[in-house]
C-alpha cells in the first residue's frame, strides 16, 4: 500500500506532479519508517511469549504506544512547519506541495499502525489478517483509479483505505481474546 499510490500517480498525472508526489511521499514516509522497526522488534518477543503461553498483551500495548509516540509528533511537525521541512530537505524545488505534506504523515500513521497490528496478529498465528490487508490494498487501487482529480485526492483516498484497514484490524482484536 505504501507504493501503489506512487505508481498510479505516475500513470494519472504529469511527470512534474508525479515527481512532486514522490518527493512528498518520501518525506511523509518518515512517520512510517520511524515506527516500522517497532513492529519488527515486537514480533519475535510476542511470538515467543505466545508459544510459551506467557502473557504478551502489555508488550503489544507498549509497542502500540511507541508507534503513536513516534508517528504523531512527525505528523504535527508536518502540519506546523511543512515549508521549513520541505525546504531543508529538498530546497525550493518541491515547495508547492508542502501544504499536503501533513496528509502524507496521516496516511503513514495509519499504515504504520496497520503494519503493527498485522505483525501482532501474525506473531500469534492469526494469518487470516493478510486477507484484510489485501482487501484494503485493492480498495486503495480502485478508489485512486476512480478519484484522482488532484494529488490531495489521492492521498485522502489512501488515508481512507489505511484507516479502514486499521478499523478492520481493530475490530478483529476482540476475537483473539
N, C-alpha and C. Protein backbone atom coordinates (compact mmCIF):
# COMPACT_ATOMS: atom_id res chain seq x y z
N UNK A 1 0.82 -1.21 0.00
CA UNK A 1 0.00 0.00 0.00
C UNK A 1 0.85 1.26 0.00
N UNK A 2 2.09 1.15 0.42
CA UNK A 2 2.91 2.36 0.53
C UNK A 2 3.51 2.80 -0.79
N UNK A 3 3.39 2.00 -1.84
CA UNK A 3 3.95 2.44 -3.13
C UNK A 3 2.94 2.38 -4.27
N UNK A 4 1.82 1.75 -4.08
CA UNK A 4 0.81 1.67 -5.13
C UNK A 4 0.35 3.06 -5.55
N UNK A 5 0.18 3.93 -4.59
CA UNK A 5 -0.27 5.29 -4.90
C UNK A 5 0.73 6.01 -5.80
N UNK A 6 2.01 5.80 -5.57
CA UNK A 6 3.04 6.46 -6.37
C UNK A 6 2.98 5.97 -7.82
N UNK A 7 2.79 4.68 -8.00
CA UNK A 7 2.69 4.10 -9.35
C UNK A 7 1.47 4.67 -10.07
N UNK A 8 0.35 4.74 -9.38
CA UNK A 8 -0.87 5.26 -10.00
C UNK A 8 -0.79 6.75 -10.28
N UNK A 9 -0.13 7.49 -9.41
CA UNK A 9 0.07 8.93 -9.66
C UNK A 9 0.91 9.12 -10.92
N UNK A 10 1.91 8.31 -11.08
CA UNK A 10 2.76 8.38 -12.28
C UNK A 10 1.91 8.14 -13.53
N UNK A 11 0.91 7.27 -13.42
CA UNK A 11 0.04 6.97 -14.55
C UNK A 11 -0.96 8.10 -14.84
N UNK A 12 -1.55 8.67 -13.78
CA UNK A 12 -2.63 9.63 -13.96
C UNK A 12 -2.20 11.09 -14.04
N UNK A 13 -1.00 11.42 -13.60
CA UNK A 13 -0.58 12.82 -13.53
C UNK A 13 0.65 13.07 -14.39
N UNK A 14 0.96 14.34 -14.57
CA UNK A 14 2.13 14.72 -15.35
C UNK A 14 3.41 14.30 -14.62
N UNK A 15 4.51 14.30 -15.36
CA UNK A 15 5.80 13.94 -14.75
C UNK A 15 6.15 14.89 -13.60
N UNK A 16 5.83 16.16 -13.78
CA UNK A 16 6.12 17.15 -12.76
C UNK A 16 5.34 16.88 -11.48
N UNK A 17 4.04 16.62 -11.63
CA UNK A 17 3.20 16.33 -10.47
C UNK A 17 3.59 15.00 -9.82
N UNK A 18 3.93 14.02 -10.64
CA UNK A 18 4.35 12.73 -10.11
C UNK A 18 5.65 12.86 -9.31
N UNK A 19 6.56 13.70 -9.80
CA UNK A 19 7.81 13.94 -9.07
C UNK A 19 7.56 14.62 -7.74
N UNK A 20 6.67 15.61 -7.76
CA UNK A 20 6.29 16.30 -6.53
C UNK A 20 5.69 15.31 -5.54
N UNK A 21 4.79 14.48 -6.03
CA UNK A 21 4.12 13.49 -5.17
C UNK A 21 5.15 12.52 -4.58
N UNK A 22 6.06 12.04 -5.41
CA UNK A 22 7.07 11.09 -4.94
C UNK A 22 7.97 11.72 -3.87
N UNK A 23 8.34 12.97 -4.06
CA UNK A 23 9.18 13.65 -3.07
C UNK A 23 8.43 13.82 -1.75
N UNK A 24 7.19 14.22 -1.82
CA UNK A 24 6.40 14.39 -0.60
C UNK A 24 6.10 13.04 0.06
N UNK A 25 5.89 12.02 -0.76
CA UNK A 25 5.65 10.68 -0.21
C UNK A 25 6.88 10.19 0.54
N UNK A 26 8.05 10.50 0.03
CA UNK A 26 9.29 10.11 0.71
C UNK A 26 9.39 10.80 2.07
N UNK A 27 9.07 12.08 2.10
CA UNK A 27 9.07 12.79 3.38
C UNK A 27 7.99 12.25 4.32
N UNK A 28 6.82 12.01 3.77
CA UNK A 28 5.72 11.50 4.58
C UNK A 28 6.02 10.15 5.18
N UNK A 29 6.81 9.37 4.47
CA UNK A 29 7.11 8.03 4.95
C UNK A 29 8.02 8.02 6.18
N UNK A 30 8.57 9.17 6.54
CA UNK A 30 9.37 9.24 7.76
C UNK A 30 8.52 8.83 8.96
N UNK A 31 7.25 9.20 8.96
CA UNK A 31 6.34 8.81 10.04
C UNK A 31 6.18 7.30 10.08
N UNK A 32 6.27 6.66 8.93
CA UNK A 32 6.15 5.20 8.85
C UNK A 32 7.46 4.52 9.23
N UNK A 33 8.55 4.95 8.62
CA UNK A 33 9.82 4.28 8.84
C UNK A 33 10.40 4.53 10.23
N UNK A 34 9.95 5.58 10.87
CA UNK A 34 10.36 5.81 12.25
C UNK A 34 9.71 4.81 13.20
N UNK A 35 8.50 4.38 12.83
CA UNK A 35 7.74 3.48 13.71
C UNK A 35 7.80 2.02 13.27
N UNK A 36 8.09 1.74 12.02
CA UNK A 36 8.08 0.37 11.50
C UNK A 36 9.00 -0.60 12.24
N UNK A 37 10.19 -0.17 12.65
CA UNK A 37 11.04 -1.12 13.37
C UNK A 37 10.43 -1.65 14.68
N UNK A 38 9.51 -0.89 15.24
CA UNK A 38 8.86 -1.34 16.48
C UNK A 38 8.12 -2.65 16.22
N UNK A 39 7.42 -2.73 15.08
CA UNK A 39 6.69 -3.96 14.74
C UNK A 39 7.65 -5.12 14.51
N UNK A 40 8.78 -4.82 13.88
CA UNK A 40 9.77 -5.87 13.62
C UNK A 40 10.38 -6.41 14.91
N UNK A 41 10.59 -5.53 15.86
CA UNK A 41 11.16 -5.96 17.14
C UNK A 41 10.10 -6.66 18.00
N UNK A 42 8.88 -6.17 17.93
CA UNK A 42 7.79 -6.74 18.73
C UNK A 42 7.51 -8.19 18.33
N UNK A 43 7.55 -8.48 17.04
CA UNK A 43 7.14 -9.78 16.51
C UNK A 43 7.79 -10.98 17.22
N UNK A 44 9.12 -11.07 17.28
CA UNK A 44 9.70 -12.26 17.90
C UNK A 44 9.41 -12.37 19.41
N UNK A 45 9.33 -11.24 20.08
CA UNK A 45 9.06 -11.28 21.52
C UNK A 45 7.65 -11.81 21.80
N UNK A 46 6.68 -11.31 21.06
CA UNK A 46 5.31 -11.77 21.27
C UNK A 46 5.15 -13.21 20.80
N UNK A 47 5.77 -13.53 19.69
CA UNK A 47 5.71 -14.90 19.18
C UNK A 47 6.26 -15.89 20.21
N UNK A 48 7.37 -15.56 20.81
CA UNK A 48 7.97 -16.42 21.82
C UNK A 48 7.06 -16.56 23.03
N UNK A 49 6.54 -15.44 23.50
CA UNK A 49 5.65 -15.48 24.67
C UNK A 49 4.38 -16.26 24.35
N UNK A 50 3.84 -16.05 23.17
CA UNK A 50 2.62 -16.75 22.79
C UNK A 50 2.86 -18.26 22.75
N UNK A 51 4.00 -18.67 22.18
CA UNK A 51 4.29 -20.11 22.08
C UNK A 51 4.48 -20.76 23.45
N UNK A 52 4.88 -19.97 24.43
CA UNK A 52 5.07 -20.49 25.80
C UNK A 52 3.85 -20.23 26.69
N UNK A 53 2.78 -19.73 26.07
CA UNK A 53 1.54 -19.38 26.80
C UNK A 53 1.80 -18.37 27.91
N UNK A 54 2.74 -17.48 27.67
CA UNK A 54 3.02 -16.39 28.61
C UNK A 54 2.25 -15.15 28.17
N UNK A 55 1.97 -14.24 29.10
CA UNK A 55 1.23 -13.02 28.73
C UNK A 55 2.05 -12.13 27.78
N UNK A 56 1.37 -11.56 26.85
CA UNK A 56 2.05 -10.70 25.87
C UNK A 56 1.30 -9.40 25.59
N UNK A 57 0.15 -9.21 26.21
CA UNK A 57 -0.67 -8.03 25.94
C UNK A 57 0.05 -6.72 26.26
N UNK A 58 0.74 -6.68 27.39
CA UNK A 58 1.43 -5.45 27.78
C UNK A 58 2.50 -5.07 26.76
N UNK A 59 3.18 -6.06 26.23
CA UNK A 59 4.20 -5.80 25.22
C UNK A 59 3.57 -5.24 23.95
N UNK A 60 2.42 -5.77 23.58
CA UNK A 60 1.72 -5.23 22.40
C UNK A 60 1.29 -3.79 22.65
N UNK A 61 0.68 -3.54 23.80
CA UNK A 61 0.21 -2.18 24.10
C UNK A 61 1.38 -1.19 24.16
N UNK A 62 2.49 -1.62 24.70
CA UNK A 62 3.68 -0.77 24.73
C UNK A 62 4.15 -0.47 23.31
N UNK A 63 4.18 -1.47 22.47
CA UNK A 63 4.57 -1.28 21.07
C UNK A 63 3.63 -0.31 20.37
N UNK A 64 2.35 -0.47 20.61
CA UNK A 64 1.34 0.42 20.02
C UNK A 64 1.58 1.86 20.47
N UNK A 65 1.84 2.03 21.74
CA UNK A 65 2.11 3.36 22.29
C UNK A 65 3.38 3.96 21.69
N UNK A 66 4.41 3.17 21.52
CA UNK A 66 5.65 3.66 20.94
C UNK A 66 5.43 4.11 19.49
N UNK A 67 4.68 3.34 18.73
CA UNK A 67 4.39 3.72 17.34
C UNK A 67 3.67 5.06 17.30
N UNK A 68 2.68 5.23 18.15
CA UNK A 68 1.95 6.51 18.18
C UNK A 68 2.84 7.64 18.67
N UNK A 69 3.70 7.36 19.63
CA UNK A 69 4.60 8.37 20.18
C UNK A 69 5.62 8.84 19.13
N UNK A 70 5.99 7.98 18.23
CA UNK A 70 6.91 8.36 17.16
C UNK A 70 6.16 9.06 16.03
N UNK A 71 5.04 8.51 15.61
CA UNK A 71 4.35 8.99 14.41
C UNK A 71 3.57 10.29 14.61
N UNK A 72 2.89 10.42 15.71
CA UNK A 72 2.05 11.62 15.90
C UNK A 72 2.88 12.91 15.93
N UNK A 73 4.01 12.96 16.64
CA UNK A 73 4.80 14.20 16.58
C UNK A 73 5.31 14.54 15.16
N UNK A 74 5.61 13.51 14.38
CA UNK A 74 6.03 13.76 13.00
C UNK A 74 4.89 14.42 12.22
N UNK A 75 3.68 13.89 12.38
CA UNK A 75 2.51 14.47 11.69
C UNK A 75 2.29 15.91 12.15
N UNK A 76 2.39 16.15 13.43
CA UNK A 76 2.21 17.50 13.97
C UNK A 76 3.27 18.44 13.40
N UNK A 77 4.49 17.98 13.34
CA UNK A 77 5.57 18.78 12.76
C UNK A 77 5.29 19.09 11.29
N UNK A 78 4.79 18.11 10.57
CA UNK A 78 4.44 18.32 9.15
C UNK A 78 3.31 19.34 9.01
N UNK A 79 2.44 19.40 9.99
CA UNK A 79 1.33 20.35 9.94
C UNK A 79 1.79 21.78 10.26
N UNK A 80 2.67 21.92 11.28
CA UNK A 80 3.04 23.26 11.72
C UNK A 80 4.23 23.87 10.96
N UNK A 81 5.07 23.04 10.35
CA UNK A 81 6.25 23.58 9.67
C UNK A 81 6.55 22.87 8.35
N UNK A 82 5.56 22.71 7.47
CA UNK A 82 5.83 21.95 6.25
C UNK A 82 6.82 22.63 5.31
N UNK A 83 6.75 23.94 5.20
CA UNK A 83 7.65 24.66 4.30
C UNK A 83 9.09 24.50 4.76
N UNK A 84 9.32 24.66 6.04
CA UNK A 84 10.66 24.50 6.60
C UNK A 84 11.21 23.10 6.34
N UNK A 85 10.38 22.10 6.53
CA UNK A 85 10.81 20.72 6.34
C UNK A 85 11.14 20.45 4.87
N UNK A 86 10.24 20.84 3.99
CA UNK A 86 10.47 20.61 2.56
C UNK A 86 11.71 21.37 2.09
N UNK A 87 11.83 22.64 2.50
CA UNK A 87 12.99 23.44 2.10
C UNK A 87 14.31 22.86 2.62
N UNK A 88 14.30 22.42 3.86
CA UNK A 88 15.55 21.91 4.44
C UNK A 88 15.99 20.60 3.81
N UNK A 89 15.06 19.81 3.31
CA UNK A 89 15.43 18.52 2.74
C UNK A 89 15.50 18.52 1.21
N UNK A 90 14.72 19.37 0.56
CA UNK A 90 14.68 19.38 -0.90
C UNK A 90 14.98 20.74 -1.52
N UNK A 91 15.15 21.75 -0.71
CA UNK A 91 15.30 23.09 -1.26
C UNK A 91 13.94 23.61 -1.69
N UNK A 92 13.92 24.50 -2.65
CA UNK A 92 12.66 25.11 -3.09
C UNK A 92 11.96 24.32 -4.20
N UNK A 93 12.57 23.26 -4.67
CA UNK A 93 12.04 22.53 -5.82
C UNK A 93 10.63 21.97 -5.59
N UNK A 94 10.33 21.53 -4.39
CA UNK A 94 9.04 20.88 -4.13
C UNK A 94 8.19 21.66 -3.12
N UNK A 95 8.47 22.93 -2.99
CA UNK A 95 7.78 23.76 -2.00
C UNK A 95 6.27 23.87 -2.28
N UNK A 96 5.90 23.72 -3.56
CA UNK A 96 4.48 23.83 -3.93
C UNK A 96 3.60 22.79 -3.24
N UNK A 97 4.17 21.66 -2.91
CA UNK A 97 3.38 20.60 -2.30
C UNK A 97 3.44 20.56 -0.79
N UNK A 98 4.10 21.53 -0.19
CA UNK A 98 4.29 21.47 1.26
C UNK A 98 2.98 21.47 2.05
N UNK A 99 1.93 22.09 1.50
CA UNK A 99 0.67 22.15 2.24
C UNK A 99 -0.01 20.79 2.36
N UNK A 100 0.38 19.82 1.53
CA UNK A 100 -0.24 18.49 1.65
C UNK A 100 0.68 17.49 2.35
N UNK A 101 1.82 17.94 2.82
CA UNK A 101 2.77 17.04 3.47
C UNK A 101 2.17 16.36 4.70
N UNK A 102 1.44 17.11 5.49
CA UNK A 102 0.89 16.52 6.71
C UNK A 102 -0.14 15.43 6.40
N UNK A 103 -0.80 15.53 5.23
CA UNK A 103 -1.72 14.48 4.81
C UNK A 103 -0.96 13.16 4.61
N UNK A 104 0.24 13.25 4.04
CA UNK A 104 1.08 12.06 3.91
C UNK A 104 1.42 11.49 5.28
N UNK A 105 1.70 12.37 6.21
CA UNK A 105 2.00 11.92 7.57
C UNK A 105 0.85 11.15 8.17
N UNK A 106 -0.36 11.63 7.96
CA UNK A 106 -1.55 10.93 8.47
C UNK A 106 -1.68 9.56 7.82
N UNK A 107 -1.49 9.52 6.50
CA UNK A 107 -1.55 8.25 5.79
C UNK A 107 -0.53 7.27 6.36
N UNK A 108 0.68 7.72 6.56
CA UNK A 108 1.72 6.84 7.07
C UNK A 108 1.50 6.46 8.53
N UNK A 109 0.86 7.33 9.30
CA UNK A 109 0.48 7.00 10.67
C UNK A 109 -0.48 5.81 10.67
N UNK A 110 -1.49 5.88 9.82
CA UNK A 110 -2.44 4.77 9.73
C UNK A 110 -1.77 3.51 9.20
N UNK A 111 -0.93 3.66 8.19
CA UNK A 111 -0.26 2.50 7.62
C UNK A 111 0.69 1.85 8.63
N UNK A 112 1.42 2.66 9.37
CA UNK A 112 2.31 2.12 10.41
C UNK A 112 1.53 1.38 11.49
N UNK A 113 0.38 1.92 11.86
CA UNK A 113 -0.47 1.27 12.85
C UNK A 113 -0.99 -0.06 12.31
N UNK A 114 -1.38 -0.06 11.04
CA UNK A 114 -1.87 -1.29 10.41
C UNK A 114 -0.78 -2.36 10.35
N UNK A 115 0.43 -1.94 10.04
CA UNK A 115 1.54 -2.89 9.99
C UNK A 115 1.80 -3.46 11.39
N UNK A 116 1.77 -2.62 12.41
CA UNK A 116 1.97 -3.11 13.78
C UNK A 116 0.89 -4.13 14.15
N UNK A 117 -0.36 -3.80 13.87
CA UNK A 117 -1.45 -4.72 14.18
C UNK A 117 -1.31 -6.03 13.40
N UNK A 118 -0.95 -5.92 12.14
CA UNK A 118 -0.77 -7.13 11.33
C UNK A 118 0.36 -7.99 11.86
N UNK A 119 1.47 -7.37 12.20
CA UNK A 119 2.60 -8.12 12.76
C UNK A 119 2.22 -8.78 14.08
N UNK A 120 1.42 -8.08 14.87
CA UNK A 120 0.96 -8.67 16.12
C UNK A 120 0.14 -9.92 15.85
N UNK A 121 -0.84 -9.82 14.96
CA UNK A 121 -1.68 -10.98 14.66
C UNK A 121 -0.86 -12.13 14.10
N UNK A 122 0.06 -11.82 13.21
CA UNK A 122 0.90 -12.87 12.63
C UNK A 122 1.78 -13.53 13.70
N UNK A 123 2.24 -12.74 14.66
CA UNK A 123 3.10 -13.28 15.71
C UNK A 123 2.38 -14.27 16.62
N UNK A 124 1.05 -14.18 16.66
CA UNK A 124 0.29 -15.13 17.48
C UNK A 124 -0.44 -16.16 16.60
N UNK A 125 -0.02 -16.24 15.35
CA UNK A 125 -0.55 -17.27 14.47
C UNK A 125 -1.86 -16.97 13.78
N UNK A 126 -2.29 -15.74 13.83
CA UNK A 126 -3.55 -15.35 13.16
C UNK A 126 -3.21 -14.82 11.76
N UNK A 127 -3.13 -15.73 10.82
CA UNK A 127 -2.65 -15.37 9.48
C UNK A 127 -3.74 -14.83 8.55
N UNK A 128 -4.98 -14.99 8.90
CA UNK A 128 -6.06 -14.53 8.02
C UNK A 128 -6.13 -13.02 7.88
N UNK A 129 -5.43 -12.29 8.75
CA UNK A 129 -5.41 -10.83 8.64
C UNK A 129 -4.77 -10.37 7.34
N UNK A 130 -4.00 -11.24 6.73
CA UNK A 130 -3.38 -10.90 5.44
C UNK A 130 -4.46 -10.57 4.41
N UNK A 131 -5.58 -11.27 4.47
CA UNK A 131 -6.68 -11.02 3.54
C UNK A 131 -7.26 -9.62 3.73
N UNK A 132 -7.31 -9.17 4.97
CA UNK A 132 -7.80 -7.81 5.25
C UNK A 132 -6.87 -6.79 4.61
N UNK A 133 -5.58 -7.02 4.72
CA UNK A 133 -4.59 -6.13 4.12
C UNK A 133 -4.74 -6.11 2.60
N UNK A 134 -4.92 -7.27 1.99
CA UNK A 134 -5.09 -7.36 0.54
C UNK A 134 -6.35 -6.61 0.10
N UNK A 135 -7.43 -6.76 0.84
CA UNK A 135 -8.67 -6.06 0.50
C UNK A 135 -8.49 -4.54 0.59
N UNK A 136 -7.77 -4.08 1.61
CA UNK A 136 -7.52 -2.64 1.74
C UNK A 136 -6.66 -2.13 0.59
N UNK A 137 -5.67 -2.91 0.18
CA UNK A 137 -4.82 -2.51 -0.94
C UNK A 137 -5.63 -2.44 -2.24
N UNK A 138 -6.51 -3.41 -2.44
CA UNK A 138 -7.38 -3.38 -3.63
C UNK A 138 -8.33 -2.19 -3.59
N UNK A 139 -8.86 -1.90 -2.42
CA UNK A 139 -9.73 -0.73 -2.26
C UNK A 139 -8.98 0.55 -2.62
N UNK A 140 -7.75 0.66 -2.16
CA UNK A 140 -6.93 1.83 -2.47
C UNK A 140 -6.75 1.97 -3.98
N UNK A 141 -6.43 0.89 -4.65
CA UNK A 141 -6.23 0.93 -6.11
C UNK A 141 -7.51 1.36 -6.81
N UNK A 142 -8.61 0.74 -6.46
CA UNK A 142 -9.90 1.06 -7.11
C UNK A 142 -10.27 2.52 -6.88
N UNK A 143 -10.16 2.97 -5.64
CA UNK A 143 -10.54 4.36 -5.34
C UNK A 143 -9.62 5.38 -6.02
N UNK A 144 -8.33 5.10 -6.08
CA UNK A 144 -7.43 6.03 -6.78
C UNK A 144 -7.77 6.07 -8.27
N UNK A 145 -8.09 4.93 -8.84
CA UNK A 145 -8.48 4.90 -10.26
C UNK A 145 -9.76 5.69 -10.51
N UNK A 146 -10.65 5.69 -9.54
CA UNK A 146 -11.91 6.42 -9.67
C UNK A 146 -11.82 7.88 -9.26
N UNK A 147 -11.01 8.17 -8.24
CA UNK A 147 -10.94 9.52 -7.66
C UNK A 147 -9.48 10.00 -7.70
N UNK A 148 -9.16 10.78 -8.70
CA UNK A 148 -7.78 11.28 -8.81
C UNK A 148 -7.76 12.67 -9.46
N UNK A 149 -8.68 13.52 -9.03
CA UNK A 149 -8.74 14.88 -9.59
C UNK A 149 -7.53 15.71 -9.16
N UNK A 150 -6.96 15.39 -8.00
CA UNK A 150 -5.80 16.13 -7.52
C UNK A 150 -4.91 15.19 -6.71
N UNK A 151 -3.70 15.65 -6.44
CA UNK A 151 -2.80 14.87 -5.60
C UNK A 151 -3.38 14.69 -4.21
N UNK A 152 -4.04 15.72 -3.71
CA UNK A 152 -4.65 15.62 -2.38
C UNK A 152 -5.71 14.53 -2.37
N UNK A 153 -6.50 14.42 -3.45
CA UNK A 153 -7.49 13.34 -3.52
C UNK A 153 -6.85 11.97 -3.40
N UNK A 154 -5.73 11.79 -4.05
CA UNK A 154 -5.03 10.51 -4.00
C UNK A 154 -4.59 10.20 -2.56
N UNK A 155 -4.06 11.20 -1.89
CA UNK A 155 -3.63 10.99 -0.50
C UNK A 155 -4.83 10.70 0.38
N UNK A 156 -5.91 11.44 0.19
CA UNK A 156 -7.09 11.23 1.02
C UNK A 156 -7.70 9.85 0.81
N UNK A 157 -7.68 9.37 -0.41
CA UNK A 157 -8.16 8.02 -0.70
C UNK A 157 -7.26 6.99 -0.01
N UNK A 158 -5.97 7.24 -0.03
CA UNK A 158 -5.03 6.34 0.64
C UNK A 158 -5.25 6.35 2.15
N UNK A 159 -5.52 7.53 2.69
CA UNK A 159 -5.83 7.64 4.12
C UNK A 159 -7.08 6.83 4.45
N UNK A 160 -8.11 6.99 3.63
CA UNK A 160 -9.35 6.27 3.85
C UNK A 160 -9.11 4.76 3.83
N UNK A 161 -8.37 4.29 2.84
CA UNK A 161 -8.08 2.85 2.74
C UNK A 161 -7.31 2.36 3.96
N UNK A 162 -6.30 3.11 4.37
CA UNK A 162 -5.49 2.71 5.53
C UNK A 162 -6.30 2.80 6.83
N UNK A 163 -7.14 3.82 6.95
CA UNK A 163 -7.98 3.96 8.15
C UNK A 163 -8.98 2.82 8.25
N UNK A 164 -9.57 2.43 7.12
CA UNK A 164 -10.49 1.29 7.13
C UNK A 164 -9.75 -0.01 7.46
N UNK A 165 -8.51 -0.10 7.00
CA UNK A 165 -7.69 -1.26 7.33
C UNK A 165 -7.44 -1.34 8.84
N UNK A 166 -7.06 -0.21 9.43
CA UNK A 166 -6.84 -0.18 10.88
C UNK A 166 -8.13 -0.51 11.62
N UNK A 167 -9.24 0.05 11.17
CA UNK A 167 -10.53 -0.23 11.82
C UNK A 167 -10.86 -1.71 11.75
N UNK A 168 -10.67 -2.31 10.59
CA UNK A 168 -10.95 -3.74 10.44
C UNK A 168 -10.03 -4.58 11.34
N UNK A 169 -8.76 -4.20 11.40
CA UNK A 169 -7.83 -4.93 12.25
C UNK A 169 -8.17 -4.76 13.73
N UNK A 170 -8.64 -3.59 14.11
CA UNK A 170 -9.05 -3.37 15.50
C UNK A 170 -10.35 -4.12 15.82
N UNK A 171 -11.24 -4.23 14.85
CA UNK A 171 -12.47 -5.00 15.06
C UNK A 171 -12.15 -6.48 15.24
N UNK A 172 -11.09 -6.93 14.65
CA UNK A 172 -10.66 -8.32 14.78
C UNK A 172 -10.05 -8.59 16.15
N UNK A 173 -9.58 -7.54 16.81
CA UNK A 173 -8.86 -7.67 18.09
C UNK A 173 -9.64 -8.44 19.15
N UNK A 174 -10.92 -8.14 19.38
CA UNK A 174 -11.65 -8.89 20.42
C UNK A 174 -11.75 -10.39 20.14
N UNK A 175 -11.63 -10.79 18.88
CA UNK A 175 -11.73 -12.21 18.53
C UNK A 175 -10.56 -13.03 19.06
N UNK A 176 -9.42 -12.36 19.30
CA UNK A 176 -8.26 -13.11 19.78
C UNK A 176 -8.28 -13.29 21.30
N UNK A 177 -9.12 -12.56 21.97
CA UNK A 177 -9.18 -12.64 23.43
C UNK A 177 -9.90 -13.90 23.73
